[in-house]
């Protein structure tokens, strides 16, 4: 059972997880991340920063770097605009100190999501292999799922330290 001092942490993490779950489900179903979920995550950062004593400059720096990276990925068609926006606001929670592990976790989780997507549509995957990647696989990878998992994973590191 969490200590009373950890109640704000767990409450905010629960609300954040629910919002990210909604964004993920919508991304899986429609390949869209609703703007209201991105805005809700950004607004939720305010009480998070206050209760968790987060450096706002570190958070804004992480968001700026994530924005630059995700904009470049959007320009090359790797991710969608919703993914870019969601990555930017979730980077606020990681801060500069956890940005690299956060982005690495997003990339690894995104790879797993891509493999699951391929395994779910084996015929289409075989066609892609035969065409040597020149065909269109269809709807793409729902990176919102990877971003959500990585965000919660990074925030859980507080209680499960990883060297």
N, C-alpha and C. Protein backbone atom coordinates (compact mmCIF):
# COMPACT_ATOMS: atom_id res chain seq x y z
N UNK A 1 0.85 -1.18 0.00
CA UNK A 1 0.00 0.00 0.00
C UNK A 1 0.90 1.24 0.00
N UNK A 2 0.62 2.18 -0.92
CA UNK A 2 1.46 3.38 -0.99
C UNK A 2 1.29 4.26 0.25
N UNK A 3 2.36 4.94 0.61
CA UNK A 3 2.31 5.88 1.74
C UNK A 3 1.45 7.09 1.37
N UNK A 4 0.94 7.77 2.41
CA UNK A 4 0.10 8.95 2.17
C UNK A 4 0.84 10.02 1.40
N UNK A 5 2.15 10.10 1.57
CA UNK A 5 2.94 11.11 0.85
C UNK A 5 2.98 10.82 -0.65
N UNK A 6 2.77 9.57 -1.01
CA UNK A 6 2.80 9.19 -2.43
C UNK A 6 1.43 9.28 -3.10
N UNK A 7 0.40 9.67 -2.35
CA UNK A 7 -0.95 9.73 -2.91
C UNK A 7 -1.06 10.66 -4.13
N UNK A 8 -0.49 11.87 -4.09
CA UNK A 8 -0.58 12.72 -5.29
C UNK A 8 0.11 12.07 -6.50
N UNK A 9 1.25 11.44 -6.25
CA UNK A 9 1.97 10.76 -7.33
C UNK A 9 1.09 9.70 -7.99
N UNK A 10 0.54 8.80 -7.17
CA UNK A 10 -0.26 7.71 -7.72
C UNK A 10 -1.57 8.21 -8.34
N UNK A 11 -2.17 9.23 -7.75
CA UNK A 11 -3.41 9.78 -8.31
C UNK A 11 -3.17 10.38 -9.69
N UNK A 12 -2.11 11.20 -9.79
CA UNK A 12 -1.80 11.82 -11.08
C UNK A 12 -1.37 10.79 -12.10
N UNK A 13 -0.61 9.78 -11.67
CA UNK A 13 -0.20 8.72 -12.59
C UNK A 13 -1.40 7.94 -13.10
N UNK A 14 -2.38 7.71 -12.24
CA UNK A 14 -3.60 7.01 -12.64
C UNK A 14 -4.37 7.82 -13.69
N UNK A 15 -4.56 9.10 -13.43
CA UNK A 15 -5.28 9.96 -14.38
C UNK A 15 -4.52 10.02 -15.71
N UNK A 16 -3.20 10.20 -15.63
CA UNK A 16 -2.38 10.23 -16.84
C UNK A 16 -2.50 8.92 -17.61
N UNK A 17 -2.48 7.80 -16.91
CA UNK A 17 -2.59 6.49 -17.56
C UNK A 17 -3.92 6.32 -18.27
N UNK A 18 -4.98 6.80 -17.65
CA UNK A 18 -6.31 6.70 -18.27
C UNK A 18 -6.36 7.55 -19.55
N UNK A 19 -5.83 8.75 -19.48
CA UNK A 19 -5.82 9.63 -20.66
C UNK A 19 -4.99 9.00 -21.78
N UNK A 20 -3.83 8.46 -21.42
CA UNK A 20 -2.96 7.83 -22.42
C UNK A 20 -3.59 6.55 -22.98
N UNK A 21 -4.35 5.83 -22.16
CA UNK A 21 -5.06 4.64 -22.64
C UNK A 21 -6.11 5.03 -23.67
N UNK A 22 -6.83 6.11 -23.41
CA UNK A 22 -7.83 6.60 -24.37
C UNK A 22 -7.15 7.00 -25.67
N UNK A 23 -6.05 7.72 -25.58
CA UNK A 23 -5.31 8.12 -26.78
C UNK A 23 -4.82 6.89 -27.55
N UNK A 24 -4.36 5.88 -26.83
CA UNK A 24 -3.85 4.66 -27.46
C UNK A 24 -4.96 3.89 -28.17
N UNK A 25 -6.08 3.74 -27.49
CA UNK A 25 -7.21 3.01 -28.09
C UNK A 25 -7.69 3.71 -29.34
N UNK A 26 -7.80 5.03 -29.28
CA UNK A 26 -8.23 5.79 -30.46
C UNK A 26 -7.20 5.66 -31.58
N UNK A 27 -5.93 5.66 -31.22
CA UNK A 27 -4.86 5.51 -32.21
C UNK A 27 -4.93 4.13 -32.87
N UNK A 28 -5.20 3.11 -32.10
CA UNK A 28 -5.32 1.76 -32.66
C UNK A 28 -6.52 1.66 -33.59
N UNK A 29 -7.66 2.19 -33.15
CA UNK A 29 -8.89 2.08 -33.93
C UNK A 29 -8.90 2.98 -35.16
N UNK A 30 -8.52 4.25 -34.99
CA UNK A 30 -8.70 5.24 -36.06
C UNK A 30 -7.40 5.83 -36.60
N UNK A 31 -6.27 5.47 -35.99
CA UNK A 31 -4.97 6.05 -36.32
C UNK A 31 -4.99 7.58 -36.17
N UNK A 32 -5.68 8.00 -35.09
CA UNK A 32 -5.76 9.42 -34.74
C UNK A 32 -5.62 9.53 -33.24
N UNK A 33 -4.94 10.55 -32.80
CA UNK A 33 -4.84 10.84 -31.37
C UNK A 33 -5.61 12.14 -31.16
N UNK A 34 -6.70 12.08 -30.39
CA UNK A 34 -7.52 13.28 -30.20
C UNK A 34 -6.73 14.42 -29.55
N UNK A 35 -6.94 15.61 -30.06
CA UNK A 35 -6.24 16.78 -29.51
C UNK A 35 -6.57 17.00 -28.04
N UNK A 36 -7.79 16.66 -27.62
CA UNK A 36 -8.15 16.88 -26.23
C UNK A 36 -7.28 16.02 -25.30
N UNK A 37 -6.86 14.83 -25.76
CA UNK A 37 -6.00 14.00 -24.90
C UNK A 37 -4.62 14.63 -24.76
N UNK A 38 -4.11 15.21 -25.85
CA UNK A 38 -2.81 15.90 -25.80
C UNK A 38 -2.90 17.10 -24.86
N UNK A 39 -3.97 17.86 -24.98
CA UNK A 39 -4.17 19.02 -24.11
C UNK A 39 -4.33 18.59 -22.65
N UNK A 40 -5.05 17.51 -22.41
CA UNK A 40 -5.25 17.02 -21.05
C UNK A 40 -3.92 16.60 -20.41
N UNK A 41 -3.07 15.95 -21.20
CA UNK A 41 -1.74 15.56 -20.69
C UNK A 41 -0.93 16.80 -20.35
N UNK A 42 -0.99 17.80 -21.21
CA UNK A 42 -0.24 19.05 -20.96
C UNK A 42 -0.75 19.74 -19.70
N UNK A 43 -2.06 19.79 -19.52
CA UNK A 43 -2.65 20.42 -18.33
C UNK A 43 -2.29 19.62 -17.08
N UNK A 44 -2.28 18.30 -17.18
CA UNK A 44 -1.96 17.45 -16.05
C UNK A 44 -0.51 17.62 -15.59
N UNK A 45 0.33 18.12 -16.49
CA UNK A 45 1.72 18.34 -16.09
C UNK A 45 1.84 19.41 -15.01
N UNK A 46 0.94 20.37 -14.98
CA UNK A 46 1.02 21.46 -13.99
C UNK A 46 0.94 20.91 -12.56
N UNK A 47 -0.10 20.14 -12.20
CA UNK A 47 -0.10 19.60 -10.83
C UNK A 47 1.04 18.60 -10.60
N UNK A 48 1.44 17.90 -11.66
CA UNK A 48 2.57 16.97 -11.54
C UNK A 48 3.85 17.75 -11.15
N UNK A 49 4.10 18.84 -11.84
CA UNK A 49 5.30 19.63 -11.59
C UNK A 49 5.30 20.19 -10.17
N UNK A 50 4.12 20.62 -9.71
CA UNK A 50 4.02 21.20 -8.38
C UNK A 50 4.20 20.13 -7.30
N UNK A 51 3.50 19.02 -7.41
CA UNK A 51 3.54 18.01 -6.36
C UNK A 51 4.81 17.17 -6.38
N UNK A 52 5.43 17.03 -7.55
CA UNK A 52 6.62 16.19 -7.65
C UNK A 52 7.91 17.00 -7.68
N UNK A 53 7.79 18.32 -7.53
CA UNK A 53 8.95 19.22 -7.48
C UNK A 53 9.85 19.05 -8.72
N UNK A 54 9.20 19.13 -9.87
CA UNK A 54 9.88 18.95 -11.16
C UNK A 54 10.50 20.27 -11.60
N UNK A 55 11.67 20.20 -12.19
CA UNK A 55 12.28 21.39 -12.79
C UNK A 55 11.55 21.71 -14.09
N UNK A 56 10.87 22.83 -14.10
CA UNK A 56 10.11 23.22 -15.29
C UNK A 56 11.03 23.47 -16.47
N UNK A 57 12.20 24.04 -16.23
CA UNK A 57 13.16 24.27 -17.33
C UNK A 57 13.62 22.97 -17.95
N UNK A 58 13.87 21.97 -17.12
CA UNK A 58 14.27 20.65 -17.62
C UNK A 58 13.13 20.04 -18.44
N UNK A 59 11.92 20.17 -17.94
CA UNK A 59 10.76 19.62 -18.64
C UNK A 59 10.55 20.30 -19.99
N UNK A 60 10.67 21.63 -20.00
CA UNK A 60 10.48 22.37 -21.26
C UNK A 60 11.61 22.06 -22.25
N UNK A 61 12.81 21.87 -21.74
CA UNK A 61 13.93 21.49 -22.61
C UNK A 61 13.70 20.13 -23.24
N UNK A 62 13.23 19.19 -22.44
CA UNK A 62 12.93 17.85 -22.96
C UNK A 62 11.81 17.92 -24.01
N UNK A 63 10.79 18.72 -23.74
CA UNK A 63 9.68 18.86 -24.70
C UNK A 63 10.17 19.48 -26.00
N UNK A 64 11.06 20.47 -25.91
CA UNK A 64 11.59 21.12 -27.12
C UNK A 64 12.40 20.13 -27.96
N UNK A 65 13.22 19.32 -27.31
CA UNK A 65 14.01 18.33 -28.04
C UNK A 65 13.09 17.28 -28.67
N UNK A 66 12.10 16.80 -27.89
CA UNK A 66 11.16 15.82 -28.42
C UNK A 66 10.37 16.39 -29.60
N UNK A 67 10.02 17.67 -29.49
CA UNK A 67 9.29 18.32 -30.58
C UNK A 67 10.14 18.37 -31.85
N UNK A 68 11.40 18.74 -31.71
CA UNK A 68 12.30 18.81 -32.87
C UNK A 68 12.47 17.44 -33.52
N UNK A 69 12.67 16.43 -32.70
CA UNK A 69 12.85 15.06 -33.23
C UNK A 69 11.57 14.58 -33.90
N UNK A 70 10.44 14.77 -33.23
CA UNK A 70 9.18 14.26 -33.78
C UNK A 70 8.74 15.04 -35.01
N UNK A 71 9.07 16.32 -35.09
CA UNK A 71 8.75 17.10 -36.30
C UNK A 71 9.54 16.57 -37.49
N UNK A 72 10.81 16.24 -37.26
CA UNK A 72 11.62 15.67 -38.33
C UNK A 72 11.04 14.32 -38.77
N UNK A 73 10.63 13.52 -37.80
CA UNK A 73 10.04 12.22 -38.13
C UNK A 73 8.71 12.39 -38.88
N UNK A 74 7.95 13.41 -38.49
CA UNK A 74 6.70 13.70 -39.19
C UNK A 74 6.98 14.13 -40.63
N UNK A 75 8.01 14.96 -40.81
CA UNK A 75 8.36 15.45 -42.15
C UNK A 75 8.74 14.30 -43.08
N UNK A 76 9.34 13.25 -42.52
CA UNK A 76 9.71 12.09 -43.34
C UNK A 76 8.63 11.03 -43.38
N UNK A 77 7.48 11.31 -42.79
CA UNK A 77 6.35 10.39 -42.85
C UNK A 77 6.47 9.18 -41.93
N UNK A 78 7.34 9.25 -40.94
CA UNK A 78 7.52 8.12 -40.03
C UNK A 78 6.41 8.08 -38.98
N UNK A 79 6.02 9.24 -38.48
CA UNK A 79 4.95 9.33 -37.49
C UNK A 79 3.93 10.35 -37.95
N UNK A 80 2.77 10.32 -37.32
CA UNK A 80 1.73 11.28 -37.63
C UNK A 80 1.84 12.52 -36.75
N UNK A 81 1.04 13.50 -37.05
CA UNK A 81 1.06 14.75 -36.28
C UNK A 81 0.62 14.51 -34.84
N UNK A 82 -0.36 13.65 -34.64
CA UNK A 82 -0.82 13.35 -33.29
C UNK A 82 0.27 12.69 -32.46
N UNK A 83 1.03 11.79 -33.10
CA UNK A 83 2.15 11.15 -32.41
C UNK A 83 3.18 12.20 -31.99
N UNK A 84 3.45 13.14 -32.88
CA UNK A 84 4.41 14.19 -32.59
C UNK A 84 3.96 15.04 -31.41
N UNK A 85 2.69 15.42 -31.40
CA UNK A 85 2.17 16.23 -30.31
C UNK A 85 2.19 15.46 -28.99
N UNK A 86 1.80 14.19 -29.04
CA UNK A 86 1.76 13.39 -27.82
C UNK A 86 3.18 13.17 -27.27
N UNK A 87 4.14 12.91 -28.15
CA UNK A 87 5.51 12.73 -27.70
C UNK A 87 6.03 14.01 -27.03
N UNK A 88 5.69 15.14 -27.59
CA UNK A 88 6.14 16.42 -27.05
C UNK A 88 5.62 16.64 -25.63
N UNK A 89 4.32 16.43 -25.41
CA UNK A 89 3.77 16.70 -24.08
C UNK A 89 4.17 15.64 -23.06
N UNK A 90 4.35 14.41 -23.50
CA UNK A 90 4.78 13.39 -22.54
C UNK A 90 6.24 13.56 -22.16
N UNK A 91 7.04 14.17 -23.03
CA UNK A 91 8.44 14.44 -22.71
C UNK A 91 8.55 15.41 -21.53
N UNK A 92 7.52 16.21 -21.30
CA UNK A 92 7.50 17.09 -20.13
C UNK A 92 7.68 16.27 -18.86
N UNK A 93 7.03 15.12 -18.81
CA UNK A 93 7.07 14.28 -17.61
C UNK A 93 8.43 13.60 -17.45
N UNK A 94 9.12 13.35 -18.55
CA UNK A 94 10.43 12.70 -18.49
C UNK A 94 11.51 13.69 -18.05
N UNK A 95 11.46 14.90 -18.55
CA UNK A 95 12.51 15.88 -18.25
C UNK A 95 13.80 15.52 -18.97
N UNK A 96 14.77 16.42 -18.90
CA UNK A 96 16.04 16.18 -19.59
C UNK A 96 16.78 14.98 -19.03
N UNK A 97 16.67 14.76 -17.73
CA UNK A 97 17.40 13.66 -17.10
C UNK A 97 16.95 12.28 -17.55
N UNK A 98 15.69 12.16 -17.93
CA UNK A 98 15.14 10.86 -18.35
C UNK A 98 14.76 10.83 -19.83
N UNK A 99 15.12 11.88 -20.58
CA UNK A 99 14.70 11.96 -21.97
C UNK A 99 15.27 10.84 -22.83
N UNK A 100 16.56 10.58 -22.71
CA UNK A 100 17.17 9.53 -23.53
C UNK A 100 16.57 8.15 -23.23
N UNK A 101 16.46 7.74 -21.95
CA UNK A 101 15.79 6.45 -21.70
C UNK A 101 14.34 6.43 -22.18
N UNK A 102 13.66 7.57 -22.06
CA UNK A 102 12.28 7.68 -22.52
C UNK A 102 12.18 7.45 -24.02
N UNK A 103 13.02 8.15 -24.79
CA UNK A 103 12.98 8.00 -26.25
C UNK A 103 13.40 6.60 -26.67
N UNK A 104 14.36 6.02 -25.97
CA UNK A 104 14.77 4.65 -26.27
C UNK A 104 13.62 3.68 -26.00
N UNK A 105 12.92 3.88 -24.90
CA UNK A 105 11.78 3.03 -24.58
C UNK A 105 10.65 3.20 -25.60
N UNK A 106 10.44 4.43 -26.07
CA UNK A 106 9.44 4.66 -27.13
C UNK A 106 9.83 3.88 -28.38
N UNK A 107 11.11 3.96 -28.76
CA UNK A 107 11.57 3.27 -29.97
C UNK A 107 11.44 1.75 -29.84
N UNK A 108 11.86 1.21 -28.71
CA UNK A 108 11.77 -0.24 -28.52
C UNK A 108 10.33 -0.72 -28.48
N UNK A 109 9.50 0.00 -27.76
CA UNK A 109 8.08 -0.36 -27.69
C UNK A 109 7.42 -0.21 -29.06
N UNK A 110 7.80 0.82 -29.81
CA UNK A 110 7.28 1.00 -31.16
C UNK A 110 7.65 -0.16 -32.06
N UNK A 111 8.86 -0.69 -31.90
CA UNK A 111 9.29 -1.87 -32.66
C UNK A 111 8.43 -3.08 -32.34
N UNK A 112 8.13 -3.26 -31.06
CA UNK A 112 7.28 -4.38 -30.65
C UNK A 112 5.88 -4.21 -31.23
N UNK A 113 5.35 -2.99 -31.16
CA UNK A 113 4.02 -2.72 -31.72
C UNK A 113 4.02 -2.99 -33.24
N UNK A 114 5.09 -2.61 -33.93
CA UNK A 114 5.20 -2.87 -35.37
C UNK A 114 5.21 -4.37 -35.65
N UNK A 115 5.96 -5.13 -34.86
CA UNK A 115 6.00 -6.58 -35.04
C UNK A 115 4.64 -7.22 -34.79
N UNK A 116 3.95 -6.74 -33.77
CA UNK A 116 2.60 -7.25 -33.49
C UNK A 116 1.67 -6.91 -34.66
N UNK A 117 1.80 -5.71 -35.22
CA UNK A 117 0.98 -5.32 -36.37
C UNK A 117 1.24 -6.23 -37.57
N UNK A 118 2.52 -6.55 -37.79
CA UNK A 118 2.87 -7.46 -38.88
C UNK A 118 2.32 -8.86 -38.63
N UNK A 119 2.46 -9.34 -37.40
CA UNK A 119 1.98 -10.68 -37.06
C UNK A 119 0.46 -10.78 -37.15
N UNK A 120 -0.23 -9.68 -36.91
CA UNK A 120 -1.69 -9.67 -36.97
C UNK A 120 -2.20 -9.75 -38.41
N UNK A 121 -1.35 -9.39 -39.37
CA UNK A 121 -1.74 -9.40 -40.79
C UNK A 121 -0.65 -10.11 -41.59
N UNK A 122 -0.53 -11.42 -41.43
CA UNK A 122 0.59 -12.15 -42.04
C UNK A 122 0.60 -12.12 -43.56
N UNK A 123 -0.55 -12.17 -44.19
CA UNK A 123 -0.58 -12.16 -45.66
C UNK A 123 -0.03 -10.84 -46.18
N UNK A 124 -0.48 -9.77 -45.60
CA UNK A 124 0.00 -8.45 -46.01
C UNK A 124 1.50 -8.32 -45.73
N UNK A 125 1.96 -8.89 -44.62
CA UNK A 125 3.38 -8.85 -44.29
C UNK A 125 4.19 -9.61 -45.34
N UNK A 126 3.69 -10.75 -45.78
CA UNK A 126 4.39 -11.53 -46.81
C UNK A 126 4.44 -10.77 -48.13
N UNK A 127 3.37 -10.09 -48.47
CA UNK A 127 3.36 -9.28 -49.70
C UNK A 127 4.42 -8.18 -49.59
N UNK A 128 4.51 -7.55 -48.43
CA UNK A 128 5.52 -6.50 -48.23
C UNK A 128 6.93 -7.06 -48.39
N UNK A 129 7.15 -8.25 -47.86
CA UNK A 129 8.47 -8.87 -47.98
C UNK A 129 8.78 -9.17 -49.44
N UNK A 130 7.81 -9.70 -50.16
CA UNK A 130 8.02 -10.01 -51.58
C UNK A 130 8.26 -8.75 -52.40
N UNK A 131 7.65 -7.65 -52.01
CA UNK A 131 7.83 -6.40 -52.74
C UNK A 131 9.05 -5.63 -52.23
N UNK A 132 9.78 -6.24 -51.31
CA UNK A 132 10.99 -5.64 -50.72
C UNK A 132 10.71 -4.26 -50.11
N UNK A 133 9.56 -4.16 -49.44
CA UNK A 133 9.23 -2.94 -48.72
C UNK A 133 8.74 -1.79 -49.58
N UNK A 134 8.52 -2.03 -50.88
CA UNK A 134 8.13 -0.92 -51.76
C UNK A 134 6.61 -0.70 -51.78
N UNK A 135 5.86 -1.64 -51.24
CA UNK A 135 4.42 -1.49 -51.23
C UNK A 135 3.96 -0.69 -50.03
N UNK A 136 2.67 -0.49 -49.94
CA UNK A 136 2.08 0.25 -48.83
C UNK A 136 1.47 -0.76 -47.88
N UNK A 137 1.93 -0.77 -46.64
CA UNK A 137 1.42 -1.72 -45.66
C UNK A 137 0.03 -1.33 -45.18
N UNK A 138 -0.35 -0.13 -45.40
CA UNK A 138 -1.69 0.27 -45.00
C UNK A 138 -1.68 1.38 -43.98
N UNK A 139 -2.29 1.12 -42.85
CA UNK A 139 -2.57 2.15 -41.86
C UNK A 139 -1.39 2.56 -41.00
N UNK A 140 -0.29 1.91 -41.07
CA UNK A 140 0.87 2.31 -40.28
C UNK A 140 0.83 1.78 -38.85
N UNK A 141 1.78 2.22 -38.07
CA UNK A 141 1.95 1.75 -36.70
C UNK A 141 1.36 2.78 -35.73
N UNK A 142 0.54 2.34 -34.79
CA UNK A 142 -0.01 3.27 -33.81
C UNK A 142 1.03 3.61 -32.72
N UNK A 143 1.88 4.60 -33.02
CA UNK A 143 2.94 4.96 -32.09
C UNK A 143 2.42 5.57 -30.80
N UNK A 144 1.16 5.97 -30.77
CA UNK A 144 0.58 6.47 -29.53
C UNK A 144 0.65 5.44 -28.43
N UNK A 145 0.53 4.17 -28.81
CA UNK A 145 0.63 3.08 -27.84
C UNK A 145 2.04 3.03 -27.25
N UNK A 146 3.04 3.12 -28.12
CA UNK A 146 4.43 3.09 -27.66
C UNK A 146 4.75 4.29 -26.77
N UNK A 147 4.25 5.44 -27.13
CA UNK A 147 4.49 6.65 -26.34
C UNK A 147 3.84 6.51 -24.96
N UNK A 148 2.62 5.97 -24.93
CA UNK A 148 1.91 5.79 -23.65
C UNK A 148 2.64 4.80 -22.75
N UNK A 149 3.05 3.67 -23.31
CA UNK A 149 3.75 2.66 -22.52
C UNK A 149 5.07 3.21 -21.99
N UNK A 150 5.80 3.92 -22.84
CA UNK A 150 7.10 4.49 -22.42
C UNK A 150 6.92 5.54 -21.35
N UNK A 151 5.88 6.35 -21.45
CA UNK A 151 5.64 7.39 -20.45
C UNK A 151 5.38 6.77 -19.08
N UNK A 152 4.47 5.82 -19.03
CA UNK A 152 4.17 5.17 -17.76
C UNK A 152 5.40 4.40 -17.26
N UNK A 153 6.12 3.77 -18.17
CA UNK A 153 7.32 3.05 -17.78
C UNK A 153 8.37 3.93 -17.15
N UNK A 154 8.60 5.09 -17.75
CA UNK A 154 9.59 6.02 -17.20
C UNK A 154 9.15 6.55 -15.84
N UNK A 155 7.87 6.83 -15.69
CA UNK A 155 7.39 7.35 -14.42
C UNK A 155 7.39 6.28 -13.33
N UNK A 156 7.28 5.03 -13.72
CA UNK A 156 7.32 3.93 -12.74
C UNK A 156 8.75 3.65 -12.28
N UNK A 157 9.75 4.15 -13.00
CA UNK A 157 11.15 3.93 -12.62
C UNK A 157 11.44 4.46 -11.22
N UNK A 158 10.62 5.38 -10.79
CA UNK A 158 10.80 5.94 -9.44
C UNK A 158 10.71 4.84 -8.39
N UNK A 159 9.87 3.85 -8.64
CA UNK A 159 9.65 2.78 -7.66
C UNK A 159 10.33 1.48 -8.05
N UNK A 160 10.78 1.39 -9.29
CA UNK A 160 11.51 0.22 -9.74
C UNK A 160 12.80 0.73 -10.37
N UNK A 161 13.81 1.02 -9.54
CA UNK A 161 15.03 1.62 -10.08
C UNK A 161 15.75 0.67 -11.03
N UNK A 162 16.20 1.23 -12.16
CA UNK A 162 16.95 0.49 -13.16
C UNK A 162 18.32 1.15 -13.24
N UNK A 163 19.38 0.37 -13.06
CA UNK A 163 20.72 0.99 -13.08
C UNK A 163 21.07 1.61 -14.40
